[in-house]
Amino acid sequence: MRVMSIAVFDVDGVVADVRHRLHHLHSRHERWSAFFDEADADPLLLEGARLVADLAGEHEIVWLTGRPEYIRDVTVDWFERHGLPADELYMRQYHDYRPAALYKLDVLRDLRHREVAAFVDDDDTVIATALADGFPAVLADWVPRGSDLRRAQDKLGRT
């Protein structure tokens, strides 16, 4: 039996629109709990949902997000509400504050035993890192990535 290849997707900025909760990151003292508490209200990004649907016909869908493990149930419920597959989800473990590119590359390398047909993320640094390691990666550029989210992902390792 042939193992189906996988398409790996980020969540925030790819299928989930986080812009409504970015205000929690604007202050000098970021309010991370409040930021993640509002994740269940993220609108669906249709561009990302269409791409997931397109690739789901040929590949298993795997989610790789910088969201913290403690909001797993919220994230899975959100997937189910929006008709997205929720079978395989990799989330940032407690106290893992590595930059998104390092965290996600480690997970992608762990998935390498399967055929990774595509990796989709909204972070250009993550995409460049994945491409440099030989993964087929595509930048999700349908939502502008502001400085607050860039800092949270690239410097603080929080999402």
N, C-alpha and C. Protein backbone atom coordinates (compact mmCIF):
# COMPACT_ATOMS: atom_id res chain seq x y z
N MET A 1 0.85 -1.19 0.00
CA MET A 1 0.00 0.00 0.00
C MET A 1 0.89 1.25 0.00
N ARG A 2 0.58 2.18 -0.87
CA ARG A 2 1.35 3.41 -1.00
C ARG A 2 0.93 4.40 0.08
N VAL A 3 1.91 5.00 0.73
CA VAL A 3 1.63 6.03 1.72
C VAL A 3 1.34 7.33 0.97
N MET A 4 0.25 7.96 1.30
CA MET A 4 -0.11 9.21 0.64
C MET A 4 0.83 10.32 1.07
N SER A 5 1.20 11.15 0.13
CA SER A 5 2.05 12.31 0.45
C SER A 5 1.25 13.30 1.30
N ILE A 6 1.98 14.24 1.90
CA ILE A 6 1.32 15.20 2.78
C ILE A 6 1.52 16.64 2.27
N ALA A 7 0.53 17.45 2.56
CA ALA A 7 0.61 18.90 2.37
C ALA A 7 0.53 19.51 3.76
N VAL A 8 1.53 20.29 4.11
CA VAL A 8 1.65 20.83 5.46
C VAL A 8 1.27 22.31 5.42
N PHE A 9 0.35 22.69 6.30
CA PHE A 9 -0.16 24.06 6.35
C PHE A 9 0.04 24.68 7.71
N ASP A 10 0.42 25.95 7.71
CA ASP A 10 0.35 26.78 8.91
C ASP A 10 -1.12 27.14 9.11
N VAL A 11 -1.46 27.69 10.25
CA VAL A 11 -2.85 28.06 10.54
C VAL A 11 -3.03 29.58 10.45
N ASP A 12 -2.39 30.32 11.37
CA ASP A 12 -2.60 31.76 11.45
C ASP A 12 -2.01 32.46 10.23
N GLY A 13 -2.84 33.25 9.56
CA GLY A 13 -2.40 33.96 8.38
C GLY A 13 -2.51 33.14 7.11
N VAL A 14 -2.85 31.86 7.24
CA VAL A 14 -3.01 30.99 6.08
C VAL A 14 -4.49 30.61 5.93
N VAL A 15 -5.09 30.05 6.98
CA VAL A 15 -6.54 29.77 6.95
C VAL A 15 -7.30 30.56 8.02
N ALA A 16 -6.60 31.03 9.05
CA ALA A 16 -7.24 31.80 10.13
C ALA A 16 -6.76 33.24 10.09
N ASP A 17 -7.70 34.15 10.07
CA ASP A 17 -7.39 35.58 10.04
C ASP A 17 -7.26 36.11 11.46
N VAL A 18 -6.03 36.42 11.86
CA VAL A 18 -5.75 36.84 13.24
C VAL A 18 -5.79 38.35 13.43
N ARG A 19 -6.06 39.08 12.38
CA ARG A 19 -5.95 40.54 12.47
C ARG A 19 -6.82 41.15 13.56
N HIS A 20 -7.95 40.56 13.87
CA HIS A 20 -8.85 41.11 14.89
C HIS A 20 -8.25 41.03 16.30
N ARG A 21 -7.23 40.20 16.50
CA ARG A 21 -6.65 40.07 17.84
C ARG A 21 -5.24 40.61 17.96
N LEU A 22 -4.72 41.19 16.91
CA LEU A 22 -3.36 41.73 16.94
C LEU A 22 -3.20 42.90 17.91
N HIS A 23 -4.30 43.57 18.23
CA HIS A 23 -4.22 44.71 19.15
C HIS A 23 -3.64 44.31 20.51
N HIS A 24 -3.74 43.03 20.86
CA HIS A 24 -3.16 42.56 22.12
C HIS A 24 -1.64 42.56 22.10
N LEU A 25 -1.05 42.69 20.92
CA LEU A 25 0.41 42.66 20.80
C LEU A 25 1.00 44.05 20.57
N HIS A 26 0.15 45.07 20.51
CA HIS A 26 0.61 46.43 20.24
C HIS A 26 1.30 47.11 21.42
N SER A 27 0.96 46.71 22.61
CA SER A 27 1.51 47.39 23.78
C SER A 27 2.92 46.88 24.11
N ARG A 28 3.60 47.59 24.96
CA ARG A 28 4.94 47.19 25.39
C ARG A 28 4.92 45.83 26.09
N HIS A 29 3.83 45.57 26.80
CA HIS A 29 3.66 44.29 27.48
C HIS A 29 2.57 43.51 26.76
N GLU A 30 3.01 42.63 25.87
CA GLU A 30 2.05 41.85 25.09
C GLU A 30 1.13 41.06 26.01
N ARG A 31 -0.10 40.96 25.61
CA ARG A 31 -1.09 40.20 26.36
C ARG A 31 -1.35 38.88 25.62
N TRP A 32 -0.46 37.93 25.82
CA TRP A 32 -0.52 36.67 25.08
C TRP A 32 -1.77 35.87 25.41
N SER A 33 -2.16 35.82 26.66
CA SER A 33 -3.37 35.06 27.02
C SER A 33 -4.58 35.60 26.29
N ALA A 34 -4.73 36.92 26.29
CA ALA A 34 -5.86 37.54 25.60
C ALA A 34 -5.78 37.29 24.10
N PHE A 35 -4.57 37.36 23.54
CA PHE A 35 -4.38 37.11 22.11
C PHE A 35 -4.86 35.72 21.75
N PHE A 36 -4.46 34.71 22.50
CA PHE A 36 -4.85 33.35 22.19
C PHE A 36 -6.28 33.03 22.61
N ASP A 37 -6.81 33.72 23.63
CA ASP A 37 -8.19 33.51 24.06
C ASP A 37 -9.18 33.83 22.94
N GLU A 38 -8.81 34.71 22.02
CA GLU A 38 -9.72 35.11 20.95
C GLU A 38 -9.55 34.29 19.67
N ALA A 39 -8.73 33.26 19.70
CA ALA A 39 -8.47 32.46 18.49
C ALA A 39 -9.72 31.77 17.96
N ASP A 40 -10.67 31.46 18.84
CA ASP A 40 -11.88 30.79 18.38
C ASP A 40 -12.75 31.68 17.51
N ALA A 41 -12.51 32.99 17.53
CA ALA A 41 -13.31 33.94 16.74
C ALA A 41 -12.62 34.33 15.42
N ASP A 42 -11.51 33.70 15.08
CA ASP A 42 -10.82 34.05 13.84
C ASP A 42 -11.71 33.78 12.64
N PRO A 43 -11.84 34.77 11.75
CA PRO A 43 -12.55 34.49 10.50
C PRO A 43 -11.73 33.55 9.63
N LEU A 44 -12.42 32.81 8.78
CA LEU A 44 -11.76 31.90 7.84
C LEU A 44 -11.21 32.72 6.67
N LEU A 45 -9.99 32.41 6.27
CA LEU A 45 -9.40 33.01 5.08
C LEU A 45 -9.71 32.10 3.90
N LEU A 46 -10.57 32.57 3.01
CA LEU A 46 -11.05 31.73 1.92
C LEU A 46 -9.94 31.26 0.99
N GLU A 47 -8.93 32.11 0.76
CA GLU A 47 -7.84 31.71 -0.12
C GLU A 47 -7.14 30.47 0.42
N GLY A 48 -6.87 30.47 1.71
CA GLY A 48 -6.22 29.33 2.34
C GLY A 48 -7.12 28.10 2.37
N ALA A 49 -8.39 28.30 2.68
CA ALA A 49 -9.33 27.17 2.72
C ALA A 49 -9.46 26.52 1.34
N ARG A 50 -9.47 27.34 0.29
CA ARG A 50 -9.54 26.78 -1.08
C ARG A 50 -8.29 25.96 -1.40
N LEU A 51 -7.13 26.46 -0.98
CA LEU A 51 -5.89 25.73 -1.24
C LEU A 51 -5.86 24.41 -0.48
N VAL A 52 -6.32 24.42 0.76
CA VAL A 52 -6.42 23.18 1.53
C VAL A 52 -7.33 22.19 0.80
N ALA A 53 -8.49 22.65 0.36
CA ALA A 53 -9.44 21.77 -0.35
C ALA A 53 -8.82 21.22 -1.62
N ASP A 54 -8.12 22.06 -2.37
CA ASP A 54 -7.48 21.62 -3.61
C ASP A 54 -6.44 20.53 -3.33
N LEU A 55 -5.59 20.76 -2.34
CA LEU A 55 -4.51 19.82 -2.06
C LEU A 55 -5.00 18.57 -1.34
N ALA A 56 -6.13 18.66 -0.65
CA ALA A 56 -6.67 17.51 0.07
C ALA A 56 -7.10 16.39 -0.88
N GLY A 57 -7.35 16.71 -2.12
CA GLY A 57 -7.71 15.68 -3.09
C GLY A 57 -6.55 14.77 -3.44
N GLU A 58 -5.33 15.25 -3.27
CA GLU A 58 -4.13 14.50 -3.65
C GLU A 58 -3.23 14.13 -2.46
N HIS A 59 -3.40 14.83 -1.34
CA HIS A 59 -2.48 14.67 -0.22
C HIS A 59 -3.23 14.66 1.11
N GLU A 60 -2.63 14.02 2.09
CA GLU A 60 -3.14 14.15 3.46
C GLU A 60 -2.78 15.55 3.94
N ILE A 61 -3.67 16.17 4.70
CA ILE A 61 -3.41 17.51 5.23
C ILE A 61 -2.85 17.39 6.64
N VAL A 62 -1.74 18.09 6.86
CA VAL A 62 -1.07 18.13 8.16
C VAL A 62 -0.95 19.60 8.54
N TRP A 63 -1.28 19.93 9.77
CA TRP A 63 -1.18 21.30 10.25
C TRP A 63 0.08 21.46 11.10
N LEU A 64 0.80 22.54 10.87
CA LEU A 64 2.00 22.86 11.64
C LEU A 64 1.90 24.33 12.03
N THR A 65 1.57 24.56 13.29
CA THR A 65 1.33 25.92 13.75
C THR A 65 2.22 26.28 14.93
N GLY A 66 2.48 27.56 15.05
CA GLY A 66 3.19 28.07 16.21
C GLY A 66 2.27 28.33 17.39
N ARG A 67 0.98 28.07 17.21
CA ARG A 67 0.05 28.22 18.33
C ARG A 67 0.49 27.30 19.47
N PRO A 68 0.27 27.75 20.71
CA PRO A 68 0.68 26.91 21.85
C PRO A 68 -0.24 25.71 22.04
N GLU A 69 0.33 24.66 22.54
CA GLU A 69 -0.38 23.40 22.77
C GLU A 69 -1.66 23.59 23.59
N TYR A 70 -1.66 24.54 24.52
CA TYR A 70 -2.83 24.68 25.40
C TYR A 70 -4.09 25.15 24.69
N ILE A 71 -4.00 25.56 23.43
CA ILE A 71 -5.23 25.90 22.71
C ILE A 71 -5.54 24.87 21.61
N ARG A 72 -5.08 23.65 21.81
CA ARG A 72 -5.35 22.57 20.85
C ARG A 72 -6.86 22.38 20.65
N ASP A 73 -7.63 22.26 21.73
CA ASP A 73 -9.07 22.02 21.59
C ASP A 73 -9.75 23.16 20.85
N VAL A 74 -9.37 24.39 21.15
CA VAL A 74 -9.93 25.56 20.46
C VAL A 74 -9.63 25.48 18.97
N THR A 75 -8.40 25.10 18.64
CA THR A 75 -7.97 25.02 17.25
C THR A 75 -8.70 23.91 16.51
N VAL A 76 -8.80 22.74 17.10
CA VAL A 76 -9.50 21.61 16.47
C VAL A 76 -10.97 21.95 16.29
N ASP A 77 -11.61 22.55 17.29
CA ASP A 77 -13.01 22.96 17.16
C ASP A 77 -13.17 23.96 16.03
N TRP A 78 -12.22 24.90 15.90
CA TRP A 78 -12.26 25.91 14.84
C TRP A 78 -12.17 25.22 13.47
N PHE A 79 -11.25 24.26 13.32
CA PHE A 79 -11.14 23.50 12.06
C PHE A 79 -12.48 22.85 11.73
N GLU A 80 -13.05 22.17 12.70
CA GLU A 80 -14.31 21.44 12.47
C GLU A 80 -15.45 22.39 12.10
N ARG A 81 -15.51 23.54 12.76
CA ARG A 81 -16.55 24.53 12.44
C ARG A 81 -16.43 25.02 11.01
N HIS A 82 -15.21 25.07 10.50
CA HIS A 82 -14.98 25.60 9.15
C HIS A 82 -14.79 24.51 8.10
N GLY A 83 -15.06 23.27 8.47
CA GLY A 83 -14.99 22.18 7.52
C GLY A 83 -13.59 21.82 7.05
N LEU A 84 -12.60 22.07 7.90
CA LEU A 84 -11.22 21.75 7.57
C LEU A 84 -10.82 20.44 8.26
N PRO A 85 -10.01 19.62 7.60
CA PRO A 85 -9.58 18.38 8.25
C PRO A 85 -8.76 18.69 9.50
N ALA A 86 -8.94 17.88 10.53
CA ALA A 86 -8.27 18.16 11.80
C ALA A 86 -7.56 16.92 12.34
N ASP A 87 -7.16 16.02 11.46
CA ASP A 87 -6.60 14.75 11.91
C ASP A 87 -5.20 14.85 12.50
N GLU A 88 -4.35 15.69 11.90
CA GLU A 88 -2.95 15.74 12.34
C GLU A 88 -2.54 17.19 12.55
N LEU A 89 -2.20 17.51 13.79
CA LEU A 89 -1.93 18.89 14.17
C LEU A 89 -0.69 18.94 15.06
N TYR A 90 0.33 19.67 14.61
CA TYR A 90 1.54 19.90 15.39
C TYR A 90 1.49 21.32 15.93
N MET A 91 1.63 21.43 17.27
CA MET A 91 1.57 22.72 17.94
C MET A 91 2.82 22.92 18.78
N ARG A 92 3.09 24.18 19.07
CA ARG A 92 4.26 24.53 19.86
C ARG A 92 4.09 24.02 21.30
N GLN A 93 5.08 23.27 21.75
CA GLN A 93 5.05 22.73 23.10
C GLN A 93 5.28 23.83 24.14
N TYR A 94 4.88 23.56 25.36
CA TYR A 94 5.05 24.52 26.45
C TYR A 94 6.51 24.94 26.58
N HIS A 95 6.73 26.23 26.76
CA HIS A 95 8.05 26.83 26.98
C HIS A 95 9.00 26.70 25.79
N ASP A 96 8.46 26.47 24.60
CA ASP A 96 9.27 26.45 23.38
C ASP A 96 9.11 27.81 22.72
N TYR A 97 10.09 28.66 22.88
CA TYR A 97 10.02 30.02 22.34
C TYR A 97 11.05 30.25 21.24
N ARG A 98 11.44 29.17 20.57
CA ARG A 98 12.35 29.33 19.44
C ARG A 98 11.66 30.13 18.33
N PRO A 99 12.44 30.83 17.52
CA PRO A 99 11.83 31.50 16.36
C PRO A 99 11.06 30.48 15.52
N ALA A 100 10.00 30.96 14.89
CA ALA A 100 9.12 30.08 14.11
C ALA A 100 9.89 29.26 13.09
N ALA A 101 10.88 29.86 12.44
CA ALA A 101 11.62 29.14 11.39
C ALA A 101 12.33 27.92 11.97
N LEU A 102 12.92 28.03 13.14
CA LEU A 102 13.63 26.90 13.75
C LEU A 102 12.66 25.83 14.24
N TYR A 103 11.61 26.26 14.91
CA TYR A 103 10.61 25.32 15.41
C TYR A 103 9.98 24.54 14.25
N LYS A 104 9.55 25.24 13.23
CA LYS A 104 8.85 24.57 12.13
C LYS A 104 9.78 23.69 11.30
N LEU A 105 11.01 24.12 11.12
CA LEU A 105 11.96 23.29 10.39
C LEU A 105 12.20 21.97 11.12
N ASP A 106 12.30 22.01 12.43
CA ASP A 106 12.47 20.78 13.20
C ASP A 106 11.30 19.82 12.97
N VAL A 107 10.08 20.34 12.98
CA VAL A 107 8.91 19.48 12.76
C VAL A 107 8.91 18.96 11.32
N LEU A 108 9.19 19.83 10.36
CA LEU A 108 9.25 19.38 8.96
C LEU A 108 10.28 18.26 8.79
N ARG A 109 11.40 18.40 9.42
CA ARG A 109 12.43 17.34 9.34
C ARG A 109 11.92 16.03 9.93
N ASP A 110 11.14 16.12 11.02
CA ASP A 110 10.55 14.92 11.61
C ASP A 110 9.53 14.28 10.67
N LEU A 111 8.92 15.09 9.81
CA LEU A 111 7.92 14.59 8.86
C LEU A 111 8.55 14.09 7.56
N ARG A 112 9.83 14.26 7.42
CA ARG A 112 10.51 13.97 6.16
C ARG A 112 10.40 12.49 5.75
N HIS A 113 10.15 11.61 6.71
CA HIS A 113 10.00 10.19 6.36
C HIS A 113 8.77 9.95 5.49
N ARG A 114 7.89 10.92 5.44
CA ARG A 114 6.75 10.90 4.53
C ARG A 114 7.09 11.86 3.40
N GLU A 115 6.43 11.74 2.31
CA GLU A 115 6.69 12.65 1.20
C GLU A 115 5.96 13.98 1.45
N VAL A 116 6.73 15.03 1.72
CA VAL A 116 6.14 16.36 1.90
C VAL A 116 6.02 16.99 0.51
N ALA A 117 4.79 17.06 0.01
CA ALA A 117 4.53 17.58 -1.34
C ALA A 117 4.45 19.09 -1.36
N ALA A 118 4.05 19.68 -0.23
CA ALA A 118 3.91 21.14 -0.15
C ALA A 118 3.93 21.57 1.30
N PHE A 119 4.48 22.75 1.52
CA PHE A 119 4.45 23.40 2.83
C PHE A 119 4.01 24.83 2.59
N VAL A 120 2.94 25.27 3.26
CA VAL A 120 2.37 26.60 3.05
C VAL A 120 2.39 27.35 4.37
N ASP A 121 3.00 28.55 4.35
CA ASP A 121 3.13 29.37 5.55
C ASP A 121 3.09 30.83 5.14
N ASP A 122 2.71 31.70 6.06
CA ASP A 122 2.64 33.14 5.76
C ASP A 122 3.90 33.89 6.15
N ASP A 123 4.87 33.19 6.71
CA ASP A 123 6.10 33.82 7.20
C ASP A 123 7.21 33.60 6.18
N ASP A 124 7.69 34.68 5.56
CA ASP A 124 8.71 34.54 4.52
C ASP A 124 10.02 33.96 5.05
N THR A 125 10.33 34.21 6.31
CA THR A 125 11.54 33.64 6.91
C THR A 125 11.40 32.12 7.05
N VAL A 126 10.23 31.67 7.47
CA VAL A 126 9.95 30.24 7.59
C VAL A 126 10.04 29.59 6.21
N ILE A 127 9.45 30.23 5.22
CA ILE A 127 9.47 29.69 3.86
C ILE A 127 10.90 29.59 3.34
N ALA A 128 11.69 30.64 3.52
CA ALA A 128 13.08 30.63 3.05
C ALA A 128 13.88 29.52 3.73
N THR A 129 13.64 29.31 5.02
CA THR A 129 14.34 28.27 5.77
C THR A 129 13.94 26.88 5.25
N ALA A 130 12.65 26.69 5.01
CA ALA A 130 12.17 25.40 4.49
C ALA A 130 12.72 25.13 3.10
N LEU A 131 12.70 26.13 2.24
CA LEU A 131 13.24 25.97 0.88
C LEU A 131 14.73 25.62 0.92
N ALA A 132 15.47 26.30 1.80
CA ALA A 132 16.92 26.05 1.91
C ALA A 132 17.20 24.62 2.37
N ASP A 133 16.26 24.02 3.07
CA ASP A 133 16.42 22.64 3.54
C ASP A 133 15.82 21.62 2.56
N GLY A 134 15.35 22.10 1.42
CA GLY A 134 14.87 21.19 0.37
C GLY A 134 13.39 20.89 0.38
N PHE A 135 12.61 21.60 1.17
CA PHE A 135 11.17 21.38 1.19
C PHE A 135 10.48 22.24 0.13
N PRO A 136 9.47 21.70 -0.55
CA PRO A 136 8.69 22.51 -1.49
C PRO A 136 7.77 23.44 -0.69
N ALA A 137 8.08 24.70 -0.66
CA ALA A 137 7.37 25.65 0.21
C ALA A 137 6.78 26.80 -0.59
N VAL A 138 5.61 27.24 -0.15
CA VAL A 138 4.88 28.30 -0.83
C VAL A 138 4.48 29.35 0.20
N LEU A 139 4.71 30.61 -0.13
CA LEU A 139 4.34 31.71 0.76
C LEU A 139 2.86 32.06 0.59
N ALA A 140 2.13 32.02 1.69
CA ALA A 140 0.74 32.46 1.72
C ALA A 140 0.77 33.97 1.92
N ASP A 141 0.52 34.71 0.86
CA ASP A 141 0.68 36.17 0.92
C ASP A 141 -0.64 36.92 0.81
N TRP A 142 -1.74 36.24 1.10
CA TRP A 142 -3.04 36.88 0.96
C TRP A 142 -3.43 37.78 2.12
N VAL A 143 -2.68 37.77 3.22
CA VAL A 143 -2.91 38.70 4.33
C VAL A 143 -1.58 39.39 4.64
N PRO A 144 -1.57 40.72 4.63
CA PRO A 144 -0.32 41.40 4.97
C PRO A 144 0.13 41.05 6.38
N ARG A 145 1.41 40.77 6.53
CA ARG A 145 1.96 40.39 7.83
C ARG A 145 2.63 41.60 8.45
N GLY A 146 1.99 42.17 9.47
CA GLY A 146 2.49 43.38 10.11
C GLY A 146 3.65 43.12 11.04
N SER A 147 4.21 44.19 11.54
CA SER A 147 5.40 44.10 12.39
C SER A 147 5.13 43.39 13.71
N ASP A 148 3.93 43.52 14.28
CA ASP A 148 3.63 42.85 15.55
C ASP A 148 3.66 41.34 15.39
N LEU A 149 3.04 40.84 14.34
CA LEU A 149 3.01 39.40 14.11
C LEU A 149 4.40 38.90 13.72
N ARG A 150 5.12 39.66 12.92
CA ARG A 150 6.48 39.28 12.52
C ARG A 150 7.37 39.15 13.77
N ARG A 151 7.26 40.11 14.69
CA ARG A 151 8.06 40.08 15.93
C ARG A 151 7.67 38.87 16.78
N ALA A 152 6.36 38.60 16.86
CA ALA A 152 5.88 37.47 17.66
C ALA A 152 6.41 36.15 17.12
N GLN A 153 6.45 36.02 15.80
CA GLN A 153 6.88 34.76 15.19
C GLN A 153 8.40 34.63 15.13
N ASP A 154 9.05 35.69 14.65
CA ASP A 154 10.49 35.59 14.35
C ASP A 154 11.39 35.83 15.55
N LYS A 155 10.96 36.69 16.45
CA LYS A 155 11.84 37.05 17.56
C LYS A 155 11.42 36.42 18.89
N LEU A 156 10.10 36.42 19.16
CA LEU A 156 9.63 35.95 20.46
C LEU A 156 9.25 34.48 20.49
N GLY A 157 9.07 33.89 19.31
CA GLY A 157 8.69 32.48 19.27
C GLY A 157 7.38 32.21 19.96
N ARG A 158 6.39 33.04 19.71
CA ARG A 158 5.13 32.90 20.43
C ARG A 158 3.97 32.44 19.56
N THR A 159 4.13 32.43 18.28
CA THR A 159 3.04 31.96 17.41
C THR A 159 3.62 31.44 16.11
